[in-house]
Amino acid sequence: MPKILIAEDEPDIRELVALILQLDGHEVVQARDGQEAVEMARTARPDLILMDVRMPRMTGYEACEVLKGDPATANIPVVFLSAKGQAGEIEAGYRAGAAAYLLKPFDAEDLLAQVQQLLAQAQG
């Protein structure tokens, strides 16, 4: 069962994403901010990380850069979930090391399709 880390500072969104993933058969761990996401990624060793861009203590971009710079977490795919859809925001996400960038609000089926695709690529 793939393990997915959700890093999202809004509890309602975090719980909704967790529920969608759990119903699809994934193990889920949750972080409330970017700093906690980095710490949890190092200990929980998720197969995939879904991360908000705007979070307290450390932004998603900063957390992604830290994770990509650490050999222990560098190969974990990161997907940004953000309401910030401007081209510059999306480019910044990819520059930070993201594998994908999904805009909020997102469709549950689109989220699951992206998760499945990235998990398959990571195992492939």
C-alpha atoms as a PDB file:
ATOM      1  CA  MET A   1       0.000   0.000   0.000  1.00  0.00           C
ATOM      2  CA  PRO A   2       1.618   3.274  -1.104  1.00  0.00           C
ATOM      3  CA  LYS A   3       2.226   5.851   1.622  1.00  0.00           C
ATOM      4  CA  ILE A   4       1.405   9.465   0.828  1.00  0.00           C
ATOM      5  CA  LEU A   5       2.334  12.519   2.882  1.00  0.00           C
ATOM      6  CA  ILE A   6      -0.107  15.426   2.732  1.00  0.00           C
ATOM      7  CA  ALA A   7       1.298  18.812   3.740  1.00  0.00           C
ATOM      8  CA  GLU A   8      -1.534  21.331   4.034  1.00  0.00           C
ATOM      9  CA  ASP A   9      -2.158  24.019   6.649  1.00  0.00           C
ATOM     10  CA  GLU A  10      -5.951  24.108   6.152  1.00  0.00           C
ATOM     11  CA  PRO A  11      -7.374  21.229   8.254  1.00  0.00           C
ATOM     12  CA  ASP A  12     -10.536  20.819   6.137  1.00  0.00           C
ATOM     13  CA  ILE A  13      -8.581  20.498   2.899  1.00  0.00           C
ATOM     14  CA  ARG A  14      -6.002  18.206   4.512  1.00  0.00           C
ATOM     15  CA  GLU A  15      -8.720  15.898   5.850  1.00  0.00           C
ATOM     16  CA  LEU A  16     -10.593  15.869   2.536  1.00  0.00           C
ATOM     17  CA  VAL A  17      -7.479  14.917   0.568  1.00  0.00           C
ATOM     18  CA  ALA A  18      -6.625  12.269   3.181  1.00  0.00           C
ATOM     19  CA  LEU A  19     -10.111  10.772   2.901  1.00  0.00           C
ATOM     20  CA  ILE A  20      -9.959  10.663  -0.906  1.00  0.00           C
ATOM     21  CA  LEU A  21      -6.606   8.878  -0.774  1.00  0.00           C
ATOM     22  CA  GLN A  22      -7.601   6.483   2.011  1.00  0.00           C
ATOM     23  CA  LEU A  23     -10.741   5.456   0.133  1.00  0.00           C
ATOM     24  CA  ASP A  24      -8.480   4.678  -2.821  1.00  0.00           C
ATOM     25  CA  GLY A  25      -6.388   2.370  -0.631  1.00  0.00           C
ATOM     26  CA  HIS A  26      -3.448   4.581   0.300  1.00  0.00           C
ATOM     27  CA  GLU A  27      -1.783   4.961   3.674  1.00  0.00           C
ATOM     28  CA  VAL A  28      -1.753   8.652   4.590  1.00  0.00           C
ATOM     29  CA  VAL A  29       0.408  10.725   6.920  1.00  0.00           C
ATOM     30  CA  GLN A  30      -0.292  14.398   7.484  1.00  0.00           C
ATOM     31  CA  ALA A  31       1.753  17.541   8.106  1.00  0.00           C
ATOM     32  CA  ARG A  32       0.429  20.990   9.013  1.00  0.00           C
ATOM     33  CA  ASP A  33       3.230  23.080   7.502  1.00  0.00           C
ATOM     34  CA  GLY A  34       6.370  22.914   5.401  1.00  0.00           C
ATOM     35  CA  GLN A  35       8.779  22.330   8.287  1.00  0.00           C
ATOM     36  CA  GLU A  36       6.696  19.450   9.612  1.00  0.00           C
ATOM     37  CA  ALA A  37       6.493  18.031   6.070  1.00  0.00           C
ATOM     38  CA  VAL A  38      10.297  17.924   5.801  1.00  0.00           C
ATOM     39  CA  GLU A  39      10.601  16.219   9.187  1.00  0.00           C
ATOM     40  CA  MET A  40       7.865  13.691   8.417  1.00  0.00           C
ATOM     41  CA  ALA A  41       9.262  12.911   4.966  1.00  0.00           C
ATOM     42  CA  ARG A  42      12.581  12.000   6.552  1.00  0.00           C
ATOM     43  CA  THR A  43      11.014   9.678   9.134  1.00  0.00           C
ATOM     44  CA  ALA A  44       7.907   8.286   7.394  1.00  0.00           C
ATOM     45  CA  ARG A  45       9.552   7.750   3.977  1.00  0.00           C
ATOM     46  CA  PRO A  46       6.417   8.340   1.878  1.00  0.00           C
ATOM     47  CA  ASP A  47       6.145   7.177  -1.719  1.00  0.00           C
ATOM     48  CA  LEU A  48       4.666  10.547  -2.743  1.00  0.00           C
ATOM     49  CA  ILE A  49       4.150  14.000  -1.205  1.00  0.00           C
ATOM     50  CA  LEU A  50       1.162  16.272  -1.872  1.00  0.00           C
ATOM     51  CA  MET A  51       2.046  19.765  -0.691  1.00  0.00           C
ATOM     52  CA  ASP A  52       0.342  23.131  -0.488  1.00  0.00           C
ATOM     53  CA  VAL A  53       2.412  26.082  -1.683  1.00  0.00           C
ATOM     54  CA  ARG A  54       1.490  28.673   0.956  1.00  0.00           C
ATOM     55  CA  MET A  55       2.081  27.318   4.458  1.00  0.00           C
ATOM     56  CA  PRO A  56       3.453  28.723   7.729  1.00  0.00           C
ATOM     57  CA  ARG A  57       7.001  28.170   9.008  1.00  0.00           C
ATOM     58  CA  MET A  58       8.237  27.029   5.567  1.00  0.00           C
ATOM     59  CA  THR A  59       6.532  27.389   2.186  1.00  0.00           C
ATOM     60  CA  GLY A  60       5.911  24.397  -0.027  1.00  0.00           C
ATOM     61  CA  TYR A  61       8.583  25.660  -2.415  1.00  0.00           C
ATOM     62  CA  GLU A  62      11.150  25.907   0.390  1.00  0.00           C
ATOM     63  CA  ALA A  63      10.205  22.477   1.759  1.00  0.00           C
ATOM     64  CA  CYS A  64      10.473  20.927  -1.704  1.00  0.00           C
ATOM     65  CA  GLU A  65      13.928  22.439  -2.225  1.00  0.00           C
ATOM     66  CA  VAL A  66      15.094  21.044   1.132  1.00  0.00           C
ATOM     67  CA  LEU A  67      13.694  17.599   0.298  1.00  0.00           C
ATOM     68  CA  LYS A  68      15.256  17.566  -3.170  1.00  0.00           C
ATOM     69  CA  GLY A  69      18.611  18.574  -1.672  1.00  0.00           C
ATOM     70  CA  ASP A  70      18.623  15.649   0.776  1.00  0.00           C
ATOM     71  CA  PRO A  71      19.745  12.311  -0.725  1.00  0.00           C
ATOM     72  CA  ALA A  72      17.372  10.484   1.654  1.00  0.00           C
ATOM     73  CA  THR A  73      14.298  12.266   0.232  1.00  0.00           C
ATOM     74  CA  ALA A  74      15.431  13.532  -3.175  1.00  0.00           C
ATOM     75  CA  ASN A  75      13.658  10.796  -5.135  1.00  0.00           C
ATOM     76  CA  ILE A  76      10.218  11.231  -3.527  1.00  0.00           C
ATOM     77  CA  PRO A  77       7.873  12.849  -6.087  1.00  0.00           C
ATOM     78  CA  VAL A  78       6.284  16.099  -4.886  1.00  0.00           C
ATOM     79  CA  VAL A  79       2.953  17.377  -6.208  1.00  0.00           C
ATOM     80  CA  PHE A  80       1.968  20.940  -5.389  1.00  0.00           C
ATOM     81  CA  LEU A  81      -1.695  21.642  -4.655  1.00  0.00           C
ATOM     82  CA  SER A  82      -2.348  25.353  -4.934  1.00  0.00           C
ATOM     83  CA  ALA A  83      -4.946  27.977  -5.714  1.00  0.00           C
ATOM     84  CA  LYS A  84      -2.097  30.051  -7.193  1.00  0.00           C
ATOM     85  CA  GLY A  85      -2.423  29.371 -10.906  1.00  0.00           C
ATOM     86  CA  GLN A  86      -0.273  32.141 -12.350  1.00  0.00           C
ATOM     87  CA  ALA A  87       2.433  30.971 -14.729  1.00  0.00           C
ATOM     88  CA  GLY A  88       5.165  32.331 -12.441  1.00  0.00           C
ATOM     89  CA  GLU A  89       3.830  30.355  -9.473  1.00  0.00           C
ATOM     90  CA  ILE A  90       3.678  27.135 -11.474  1.00  0.00           C
ATOM     91  CA  GLU A  91       7.182  27.706 -12.883  1.00  0.00           C
ATOM     92  CA  ALA A  92       8.486  28.294  -9.345  1.00  0.00           C
ATOM     93  CA  GLY A  93       6.970  24.975  -8.298  1.00  0.00           C
ATOM     94  CA  TYR A  94       8.750  23.082 -11.049  1.00  0.00           C
ATOM     95  CA  ARG A  95      12.010  24.942 -10.364  1.00  0.00           C
ATOM     96  CA  ALA A  96      11.737  23.835  -6.721  1.00  0.00           C
ATOM     97  CA  GLY A  97      11.617  20.226  -7.926  1.00  0.00           C
ATOM     98  CA  ALA A  98       7.923  19.375  -8.213  1.00  0.00           C
ATOM     99  CA  ALA A  99       6.814  16.464 -10.383  1.00  0.00           C
ATOM    100  CA  ALA A 100       3.369  18.026 -10.908  1.00  0.00           C
ATOM    101  CA  TYR A 101       1.266  21.074 -10.017  1.00  0.00           C
ATOM    102  CA  LEU A 102      -2.496  20.749  -9.472  1.00  0.00           C
ATOM    103  CA  LEU A 103      -4.757  23.758  -9.074  1.00  0.00           C
ATOM    104  CA  LYS A 104      -7.352  24.047  -6.314  1.00  0.00           C
ATOM    105  CA  PRO A 105     -10.170  23.348  -6.448  1.00  0.00           C
ATOM    106  CA  PHE A 106      -9.319  20.014  -8.019  1.00  0.00           C
ATOM    107  CA  ASP A 107     -11.476  17.071  -8.971  1.00  0.00           C
ATOM    108  CA  ALA A 108     -10.944  13.941  -6.845  1.00  0.00           C
ATOM    109  CA  GLU A 109     -10.618  11.796  -9.970  1.00  0.00           C
ATOM    110  CA  ASP A 110      -7.939  14.117 -11.399  1.00  0.00           C
ATOM    111  CA  LEU A 111      -6.034  13.985  -8.114  1.00  0.00           C
ATOM    112  CA  LEU A 112      -6.164  10.183  -8.000  1.00  0.00           C
ATOM    113  CA  ALA A 113      -5.132   9.889 -11.657  1.00  0.00           C
ATOM    114  CA  GLN A 114      -2.100  12.121 -11.035  1.00  0.00           C
ATOM    115  CA  VAL A 115      -1.185  10.135  -7.900  1.00  0.00           C
ATOM    116  CA  GLN A 116      -1.453   6.809  -9.734  1.00  0.00           C
ATOM    117  CA  GLN A 117       0.627   8.070 -12.664  1.00  0.00           C
ATOM    118  CA  LEU A 118       3.443   9.368 -10.441  1.00  0.00           C
ATOM    119  CA  LEU A 119       3.486   6.258  -8.252  1.00  0.00           C
ATOM    120  CA  ALA A 120       3.728   4.090 -11.372  1.00  0.00           C
ATOM    121  CA  GLN A 121       6.592   6.233 -12.730  1.00  0.00           C
ATOM    122  CA  ALA A 122       8.418   6.080  -9.387  1.00  0.00           C
ATOM    123  CA  GLN A 123       8.171   2.282  -9.311  1.00  0.00           C
ATOM    124  CA  GLY A 124       8.857   1.902 -13.024  1.00  0.00           C
END
